[in-house]
Protein backbone atom coordinates (compact mmCIF):
# COMPACT_ATOMS: atom_id res chain seq x y z
CA MET A 1 -77.29 -2.23 41.91
CA THR A 2 -76.29 -5.24 44.49
CA ILE A 3 -77.49 -6.34 47.79
CA SER A 4 -74.50 -5.18 49.66
CA SER A 5 -74.71 -1.76 47.49
CA SER A 6 -77.95 -1.09 48.70
CA LEU A 7 -76.85 -1.76 51.98
CA TYR A 8 -74.04 0.68 51.99
CA VAL A 9 -76.17 3.46 50.40
CA ALA A 10 -78.52 2.82 52.88
CA SER A 11 -76.22 3.01 55.96
CA GLY A 12 -74.87 6.37 54.15
CA ALA A 13 -78.12 8.14 54.28
CA LEU A 14 -79.05 6.93 58.02
CA ASP A 15 -75.77 8.61 58.77
CA ALA A 16 -76.18 11.20 56.82
CA PHE A 17 -80.11 11.90 57.78
CA GLY A 18 -79.13 11.40 61.52
CA ASN A 19 -76.72 14.09 61.05
CA ALA A 20 -79.58 16.33 59.92
CA ILE A 21 -81.34 15.54 62.72
CA SER A 22 -78.50 16.17 64.65
CA THR A 23 -78.31 19.96 63.09
CA ALA A 24 -82.33 20.89 63.37
CA GLY A 25 -82.25 19.36 67.33
CA ASP A 26 -79.45 22.29 67.81
CA ASN A 27 -81.35 24.83 66.09
CA ILE A 28 -84.40 23.72 68.45
CA ALA A 29 -82.31 23.81 71.78
CA ASN A 30 -80.57 27.02 70.40
CA VAL A 31 -84.61 28.94 70.13
CA ASN A 32 -83.89 31.66 72.23
CA THR A 33 -79.48 31.76 72.55
CA VAL A 34 -78.61 35.51 71.82
CA GLY A 35 -76.96 36.05 68.53
CA PHE A 36 -77.73 32.45 67.52
CA LYS A 37 -77.52 31.98 63.39
CA ALA A 38 -79.18 28.92 62.24
CA ALA A 39 -77.57 26.32 60.52
CA ARG A 40 -79.22 24.41 57.68
CA ALA A 41 -77.78 20.58 56.71
CA GLU A 42 -76.84 20.60 53.27
CA PHE A 43 -76.82 17.09 50.42
CA ALA A 44 -74.93 16.03 47.58
CA ASP A 45 -75.47 12.46 45.86
CA LEU A 46 -72.36 10.40 45.56
CA LEU A 47 -70.93 9.99 42.16
CA SER A 48 -72.72 6.87 40.25
CA THR A 49 -71.75 3.77 38.75
CA THR A 50 -72.42 3.27 35.22
CA THR A 51 -72.98 -0.62 34.44
CA GLY A 52 -73.65 -0.30 30.10
CA GLN A 53 -76.10 2.05 29.56
CA VAL A 54 -77.49 2.32 33.25
CA GLU A 55 -76.42 4.55 35.98
CA ILE A 56 -76.73 3.38 39.42
CA GLY A 57 -76.65 6.29 42.37
CA HIS A 58 -74.49 5.40 45.48
CA GLY A 59 -76.20 7.41 48.13
CA VAL A 60 -76.30 10.80 49.62
CA ARG A 61 -73.68 12.56 51.49
CA LEU A 62 -74.31 16.03 54.24
CA ALA A 63 -72.25 17.89 52.23
CA ASP A 64 -71.90 20.89 54.87
CA VAL A 65 -74.23 22.44 57.68
CA SER A 66 -73.74 25.74 56.94
CA LYS A 67 -75.07 28.55 59.46
CA ILE A 68 -77.58 31.21 57.52
CA PHE A 69 -76.44 35.02 58.60
CA GLN A 70 -79.58 36.72 58.42
CA GLN A 71 -80.97 39.34 60.64
CA GLY A 72 -82.71 38.04 63.66
CA ALA A 73 -85.53 40.10 65.82
CA LEU A 74 -84.26 42.68 68.21
CA GLU A 75 -85.48 42.15 71.57
CA THR A 76 -85.59 45.33 74.21
CA THR A 77 -84.21 44.88 77.20
CA SER A 78 -83.27 47.67 80.34
CA SER A 79 -79.45 47.75 80.03
CA VAL A 80 -77.82 50.27 77.92
CA THR A 81 -74.84 47.93 77.96
CA ASP A 82 -77.07 45.50 75.98
CA LEU A 83 -76.44 46.32 72.17
CA ALA A 84 -77.64 44.40 68.61
CA ILE A 85 -76.34 45.17 65.48
CA GLU A 86 -78.97 45.45 63.14
CA GLY A 87 -77.19 44.74 59.70
CA GLY A 88 -74.11 43.70 58.95
CA GLY A 89 -70.84 43.09 61.22
CA PHE A 90 -69.61 41.38 63.50
CA PHE A 91 -68.54 42.60 67.40
CA VAL A 92 -64.67 42.38 67.80
CA LEU A 93 -63.73 39.98 71.25
CA LYS A 94 -60.57 39.46 73.19
CA ASN A 95 -59.87 36.76 75.16
CA SER A 96 -57.49 36.56 78.12
CA ALA A 97 -54.56 34.81 75.41
CA GLY A 98 -55.28 38.02 73.19
CA ASP A 99 -56.47 35.96 70.86
CA THR A 100 -59.39 37.77 69.00
CA LEU A 101 -63.04 36.35 68.34
CA TYR A 102 -65.96 37.02 66.25
CA SER A 103 -69.66 37.15 67.53
CA ARG A 104 -73.14 38.87 67.16
CA ALA A 105 -74.43 38.20 70.55
CA GLY A 106 -74.30 41.65 72.44
CA GLN A 107 -74.33 40.91 76.10
CA PHE A 108 -72.18 43.14 78.03
CA HIS A 109 -71.34 44.36 81.44
CA VAL A 110 -68.57 46.33 83.16
CA ASP A 111 -66.13 44.06 84.88
CA ALA A 112 -64.35 44.79 87.56
CA ASP A 113 -61.36 47.03 85.96
CA GLY A 114 -64.09 49.12 84.46
CA ASN A 115 -64.06 47.22 81.00
CA LEU A 116 -67.29 46.13 78.77
CA ALA A 117 -67.30 42.52 78.48
CA ASN A 118 -68.86 39.74 77.88
CA PRO A 119 -70.57 36.92 80.14
CA LEU A 120 -67.34 34.98 79.44
CA GLY A 121 -65.51 37.57 80.18
CA LEU A 122 -64.14 38.76 76.98
CA LEU A 123 -63.18 42.10 76.09
CA LEU A 124 -65.14 44.18 73.62
CA GLN A 125 -62.90 46.06 71.03
CA GLY A 126 -63.12 49.74 70.40
CA ALA A 127 -61.47 52.10 68.21
CA SER A 128 -58.03 52.02 70.51
CA GLY A 129 -58.57 48.42 72.30
CA ASN A 130 -60.28 47.76 75.00
CA ILE A 131 -63.12 49.93 76.00
CA LEU A 132 -62.58 51.03 79.53
CA LEU A 133 -65.49 52.82 81.05
CA GLY A 134 -63.21 53.67 84.54
CA SER A 135 -61.66 56.35 81.97
CA GLY A 136 -63.64 58.71 82.15
CA ALA A 137 -65.46 58.16 85.75
CA ALA A 138 -64.56 61.60 86.52
CA VAL A 139 -64.32 64.97 84.43
CA PRO A 140 -62.48 68.45 85.73
CA GLY A 141 -63.57 71.53 86.56
CA GLN A 142 -63.81 74.10 83.73
CA ALA A 143 -62.88 77.55 84.99
CA THR A 144 -65.70 80.25 83.76
CA SER A 145 -63.74 82.77 81.28
CA ARG A 146 -66.95 84.00 79.92
CA ILE A 147 -70.09 85.92 80.80
CA GLY A 148 -72.96 87.27 78.57
CA LEU A 149 -76.00 88.73 80.42
CA VAL A 150 -78.82 89.81 78.39
CA ILE A 151 -81.20 92.26 80.71
CA ASN A 152 -83.79 94.80 80.39
CA LEU A 153 -83.79 97.50 82.95
CA ASP A 154 -87.24 99.35 83.65
CA ALA A 155 -86.87 102.59 82.26
CA ALA A 156 -89.46 104.00 84.28
CA ALA A 157 -87.56 103.56 87.02
CA SER A 158 -86.82 105.82 89.91
CA VAL A 159 -83.20 106.60 91.37
CA PRO A 160 -82.34 105.07 94.75
CA SER A 161 -82.29 107.70 97.24
CA ALA A 162 -79.77 105.86 98.61
CA SER A 163 -76.13 105.01 97.12
CA PHE A 164 -73.68 102.60 96.39
CA PRO A 165 -71.70 101.73 99.98
CA ALA A 166 -68.45 103.64 100.54
CA GLY A 167 -66.57 100.61 101.61
CA PRO A 168 -65.88 97.82 99.49
CA ASP A 169 -67.88 95.17 102.20
CA ALA A 170 -71.17 95.71 103.27
CA SER A 171 -74.82 93.71 104.03
CA PRO A 172 -77.07 93.11 101.34
CA ASN A 173 -79.48 95.36 103.07
CA ALA A 174 -77.10 98.21 102.85
CA TRP A 175 -76.51 96.86 99.09
CA ASN A 176 -80.06 96.35 97.50
CA SER A 177 -81.11 99.41 99.04
CA ALA A 178 -78.87 101.57 96.94
CA GLY A 179 -79.86 99.08 93.73
CA ASN A 180 -83.05 98.66 91.52
CA PHE A 181 -82.60 95.30 89.81
CA SER A 182 -80.53 92.45 90.53
CA ALA A 183 -78.83 89.05 88.69
CA ILE A 184 -77.18 86.09 89.76
CA THR A 185 -75.19 83.90 88.17
CA THR A 186 -72.73 81.41 88.95
CA LEU A 187 -68.29 81.68 88.62
CA TYR A 188 -66.34 78.56 88.40
CA ASP A 189 -62.71 79.10 89.79
CA SER A 190 -60.27 77.08 88.51
CA ALA A 191 -60.64 73.68 90.50
CA GLY A 192 -64.47 73.77 89.56
CA ASP A 193 -65.52 75.23 92.39
CA GLY A 194 -68.97 77.38 92.29
CA HIS A 195 -69.00 80.64 93.73
CA ASP A 196 -72.40 83.47 92.66
CA LEU A 197 -71.78 86.34 92.09
CA MET A 198 -74.45 89.05 92.12
CA PHE A 199 -74.83 91.81 89.31
CA LEU A 200 -76.67 95.10 90.79
CA PHE A 201 -77.87 97.46 89.10
CA ARG A 202 -78.76 101.17 89.79
CA LYS A 203 -79.85 104.02 87.79
CA THR A 204 -78.08 107.17 88.24
CA ALA A 205 -79.94 109.17 85.21
CA ALA A 206 -81.92 109.18 82.64
CA ASN A 207 -80.38 105.99 80.12
CA ILE A 208 -77.53 105.87 82.76
CA TRP A 209 -76.84 102.82 85.06
CA ASP A 210 -74.19 101.74 87.43
CA TYR A 211 -73.71 98.70 88.46
CA ARG A 212 -71.53 96.18 90.71
CA VAL A 213 -69.98 92.94 91.22
CA LEU A 214 -70.34 91.60 94.18
CA ALA A 215 -69.60 88.28 96.35
CA GLN A 216 -69.82 86.63 99.50
CA ARG A 217 -67.17 88.13 101.48
CA ARG A 218 -66.56 84.96 103.65
CA GLU A 219 -65.30 83.23 100.35
CA LEU A 220 -62.83 85.79 100.00
CA ASP A 221 -61.93 86.43 103.74
CA ALA A 222 -60.96 83.89 105.44
CA ALA A 223 -60.60 85.87 108.70
CA ALA A 224 -64.93 86.65 108.04
CA PRO A 225 -65.70 82.57 107.64
CA SER A 226 -69.32 83.43 108.73
CA SER A 227 -70.13 87.04 107.38
CA THR A 228 -73.07 87.49 105.64
CA ASP A 229 -71.68 90.77 104.26
CA LEU A 230 -71.25 90.97 100.31
CA ARG A 231 -67.97 92.70 98.95
CA ASP A 232 -67.55 94.34 95.56
CA ILE A 233 -64.78 93.09 94.01
CA GLY A 234 -63.97 95.80 91.44
CA ALA A 235 -65.36 94.62 88.47
CA GLY A 236 -68.21 97.32 88.20
CA GLY A 237 -69.49 99.72 85.33
CA THR A 238 -71.36 101.97 83.39
CA LEU A 239 -74.06 100.96 81.03
CA ALA A 240 -75.64 103.91 78.85
CA PHE A 241 -79.03 103.54 76.65
CA ASN A 242 -80.01 105.40 73.50
CA PRO A 243 -83.58 107.07 73.61
CA ASP A 244 -85.06 104.02 72.00
CA GLY A 245 -83.79 101.76 74.32
CA SER A 246 -80.70 100.19 72.91
CA LEU A 247 -77.54 99.66 74.46
CA ASN A 248 -75.57 102.26 74.01
CA ALA A 249 -72.23 100.25 73.86
CA GLY A 250 -70.05 102.81 72.40
CA ALA A 251 -71.25 105.13 75.85
CA SER A 252 -70.74 102.34 78.12
CA THR A 253 -67.76 101.20 80.48
CA MET A 254 -67.11 97.30 81.10
CA ASN A 255 -64.35 95.85 83.36
CA GLY A 256 -62.68 92.69 83.24
CA ILE A 257 -63.08 91.03 86.15
CA GLY A 258 -59.54 89.79 87.76
CA GLY A 259 -58.04 86.72 89.47
CA LEU A 260 -59.84 86.30 93.08
CA THR A 261 -58.22 84.74 95.54
CA TRP A 262 -60.80 82.37 96.57
CA VAL A 263 -60.37 80.92 100.45
CA GLY A 264 -60.76 77.28 99.05
CA GLY A 265 -56.93 78.24 97.28
CA ALA A 266 -58.19 78.05 94.17
CA THR A 267 -58.16 81.44 92.40
CA SER A 268 -60.91 82.53 89.53
CA GLN A 269 -60.08 82.45 85.96
CA PRO A 270 -59.76 86.48 85.00
CA ILE A 271 -62.82 87.49 82.96
CA ALA A 272 -60.97 90.35 80.52
CA ALA A 273 -63.53 93.40 79.90
CA GLY A 274 -64.02 91.55 76.55
CA SER A 275 -65.11 88.72 77.58
CA LEU A 276 -68.03 90.11 79.65
CA SER A 277 -71.04 91.20 77.67
CA PHE A 278 -74.64 92.96 78.28
CA ALA A 279 -75.07 92.86 74.10
CA GLY A 280 -78.65 93.12 73.36
CA SER A 281 -79.88 94.16 76.42
CA VAL A 282 -82.41 96.99 76.63
CA GLN A 283 -84.20 99.53 78.98
CA TYR A 284 -87.69 99.73 78.40
CA ALA A 285 -90.88 100.79 80.60
CA GLN A 286 -91.25 96.76 81.86
CA PRO A 287 -90.32 95.20 84.82
CA SER A 288 -86.26 94.69 84.99
CA SER A 289 -85.55 91.42 84.44
CA LEU A 290 -83.07 89.02 83.19
CA MET A 291 -83.37 87.72 79.87
CA SER A 292 -80.92 85.16 79.15
CA LEU A 293 -77.26 84.07 80.74
CA ALA A 294 -74.67 82.45 79.00
CA THR A 295 -71.77 81.02 81.02
CA ASP A 296 -68.71 78.63 79.79
CA GLY A 297 -67.06 77.31 83.22
CA GLN A 298 -68.76 74.58 84.92
CA GLY A 299 -68.04 72.42 88.08
CA ALA A 300 -66.55 69.29 87.99
CA GLY A 301 -68.64 65.73 87.44
CA LEU A 302 -68.65 62.69 88.55
CA LEU A 303 -69.88 59.64 86.09
CA THR A 304 -73.49 59.23 86.43
CA GLY A 305 -74.28 56.75 83.77
CA VAL A 306 -73.93 56.17 79.59
CA ALA A 307 -75.21 56.19 76.46
CA VAL A 308 -74.13 54.14 73.35
CA ASP A 309 -75.63 55.92 70.20
CA SER A 310 -75.79 54.05 66.84
CA ALA A 311 -71.95 54.34 65.15
CA GLY A 312 -71.13 52.69 68.52
CA THR A 313 -69.66 55.94 70.29
CA ILE A 314 -70.02 55.34 74.00
CA ILE A 315 -70.83 58.98 76.08
CA ALA A 316 -70.76 59.84 79.13
CA ARG A 317 -72.63 61.41 81.19
CA TYR A 318 -71.63 63.47 84.37
CA SER A 319 -73.41 64.92 87.55
CA ASN A 320 -72.37 68.50 86.40
CA GLY A 321 -74.89 68.10 83.17
CA MET A 322 -71.69 67.60 81.22
CA THR A 323 -71.15 64.26 78.64
CA GLN A 324 -68.45 63.33 76.36
CA PRO A 325 -67.45 60.73 74.15
CA ILE A 326 -65.12 58.43 75.82
CA ALA A 327 -64.95 55.69 72.76
CA ALA A 328 -66.03 53.67 70.55
CA LEU A 329 -66.18 49.97 69.59
CA VAL A 330 -65.60 48.87 65.81
CA LEU A 331 -67.45 45.83 63.66
CA ALA A 332 -66.04 43.30 61.77
CA ASP A 333 -67.19 41.80 58.41
CA PHE A 334 -65.77 39.18 56.23
CA ILE A 335 -65.98 38.46 52.56
CA ASN A 336 -67.06 34.67 53.25
CA GLU A 337 -69.34 34.24 56.67
CA GLN A 338 -69.17 31.01 55.83
CA GLY A 339 -65.93 30.43 55.95
CA LEU A 340 -66.06 31.28 60.07
CA ASP A 341 -65.22 29.15 62.79
CA PRO A 342 -67.47 27.84 65.27
CA ALA A 343 -66.01 28.25 68.48
CA GLY A 344 -68.48 27.88 71.09
CA ASP A 345 -70.88 30.41 73.61
CA GLY A 346 -71.36 32.13 70.45
CA LEU A 347 -67.76 32.98 69.46
CA LEU A 348 -66.76 32.92 65.88
CA ARG A 349 -63.14 32.66 64.62
CA ALA A 350 -61.51 34.09 61.37
CA THR A 351 -60.19 30.86 59.04
CA ALA A 352 -58.92 31.08 55.88
CA GLU A 353 -61.68 30.89 54.07
CA SER A 354 -63.84 33.34 55.82
CA GLY A 355 -60.35 35.84 54.90
CA THR A 356 -58.98 38.46 57.00
CA ALA A 357 -61.44 40.41 58.82
CA ARG A 358 -62.39 44.14 57.53
CA THR A 359 -63.09 46.79 60.11
CA GLY A 360 -64.77 50.27 60.39
CA THR A 361 -67.40 52.29 62.12
CA ALA A 362 -71.03 50.99 62.67
CA GLY A 363 -73.06 52.54 60.46
CA GLN A 364 -70.47 52.83 57.47
CA ASP A 365 -70.10 51.53 54.37
CA ASP A 366 -71.54 47.91 54.83
CA PHE A 367 -71.67 47.52 58.89
CA GLY A 368 -74.63 47.83 60.20
CA HIS A 369 -76.11 50.06 63.17
CA ILE A 370 -75.10 49.84 67.07
CA VAL A 371 -78.77 49.71 68.91
CA SER A 372 -78.11 50.13 72.45
CA GLY A 373 -80.64 48.51 75.41
CA ALA A 374 -81.35 45.64 72.92
CA LEU A 375 -80.39 42.35 71.74
CA GLU A 376 -80.60 40.35 68.39
CA MET A 377 -82.52 37.05 69.06
CA SER A 378 -81.98 33.66 67.21
CA THR A 379 -82.61 33.29 63.94
CA VAL A 380 -84.44 30.12 64.40
CA ASP A 381 -87.62 29.52 62.77
CA LEU A 382 -89.52 26.90 65.27
CA ALA A 383 -91.95 26.04 62.82
CA ARG A 384 -89.16 25.30 60.00
CA GLU A 385 -87.06 23.24 61.84
CA MET A 386 -90.25 21.19 63.28
CA VAL A 387 -90.90 20.64 59.16
CA ALA A 388 -87.28 19.86 58.86
CA LEU A 389 -87.18 17.36 62.05
CA ILE A 390 -90.10 15.33 60.61
CA VAL A 391 -88.72 14.71 56.70
CA SER A 392 -85.23 13.77 58.30
CA GLN A 393 -87.02 11.22 60.77
CA ARG A 394 -89.31 10.02 57.62
CA SER A 395 -86.49 9.39 55.10
CA PHE A 396 -84.15 7.59 58.49
CA GLN A 397 -87.25 5.24 59.15
CA VAL A 398 -87.71 4.54 54.99
CA ASN A 399 -83.50 4.18 54.94
CA SER A 400 -83.84 2.06 57.89
CA ARG A 401 -86.35 0.25 56.56
CA VAL A 402 -84.55 -0.71 52.68
CA ILE A 403 -81.93 -2.62 54.76
CA SER A 404 -83.94 -4.05 56.45
CA VAL A 405 -85.42 -5.12 53.04
CA ALA A 406 -81.62 -5.90 52.55
CA ASP A 407 -81.44 -8.07 54.96
CA GLN A 408 -84.23 -10.62 54.16
CA MET A 409 -83.04 -10.17 50.63
CA TYR A 410 -79.84 -11.90 51.76
CA GLY A 411 -81.60 -14.87 53.60
CA GLU A 412 -83.60 -15.39 50.64
CA ALA A 413 -80.81 -15.49 48.81
CA ALA A 414 -78.99 -18.08 51.35
CA ASP A 415 -81.75 -20.15 50.99
CA LEU A 416 -81.74 -20.83 47.50
CA LYS A 417 -78.60 -22.99 48.18
CA LYS A 418 -80.36 -25.35 50.66
């Protein structure tokens, strides 16, 4: 190797190790960057020259700076819209120009339009496009169509001396004095407004009980807005029991609840006789009690919060206790992750080298699970980066010394002609 060749070899090495130091510095600078994947400088030797039987190398070059796509540690946060991928895959994002980008950084929030977006305003993508939480801000009420009561009526109870009131409207005292036991349930009308119904039971003979269904008169009669009376809505019947205390359904009479005209303007969903059930009810010599109550109606609900499950399904919670899925995010994967092009801000672009994105649901195939309320931290190992930094620094210094030596040799060679 000539003196000039040694200069070229050393200068090339300085360039390569200078970039290696930059790579280590970039890793160290991003030690706290969410979703950051540490990079690795990869070197390759240059083509050697053969002179006779001697092969002389021409130095080193920086062949590539590759991202190491390994799993980062998960850090718990207090926000349910902070998402981390535990396993393979990338979040799919779209910018304002409609370009698709990918990321492992899961810092998301709800923007002014109700979309889930990252800090730069890029929109997180779901199975149907943008994930719009505002679309599930409220759910309508559901009219009651089924009521099921399981009760125990005291077999030792006496027949009340008072009879049920003759008219449809009477005071609560008048009704209660004629009954042995009452149970209250809520019926929801077509607008989702709740109305209390009282089932009042009266023993009429051994193993025979009559019942009436009562509602507040003021909810049915606009002319009596301050009335405290209860109105018989004409849905009563008879319950018969066998000597062993079990319900004798064949001898019982259960009438449906017709559509009621409520003062608020809504009509209740009629409850057919077959949808009013006392199955499982008994008559034992124990205090009368309501053992269970099942209805299918509900009031209107407003969005109170969301949750994200491991499959990326976003589940809305409402003020009426209802929950329902409103969106599902998708993940993307690539045949060659190393071929993705860094776009800054933790974003990546697909390239011809990475291949076309394959999308799917979290937890299926090779896609990882979604962890809500957590963020994937940087994969930078500070100890490893400090070692790499020192090694690159020493290599840079040694190659600097090669240039100094070569320069001295040039000087000595120039002195030979003097």
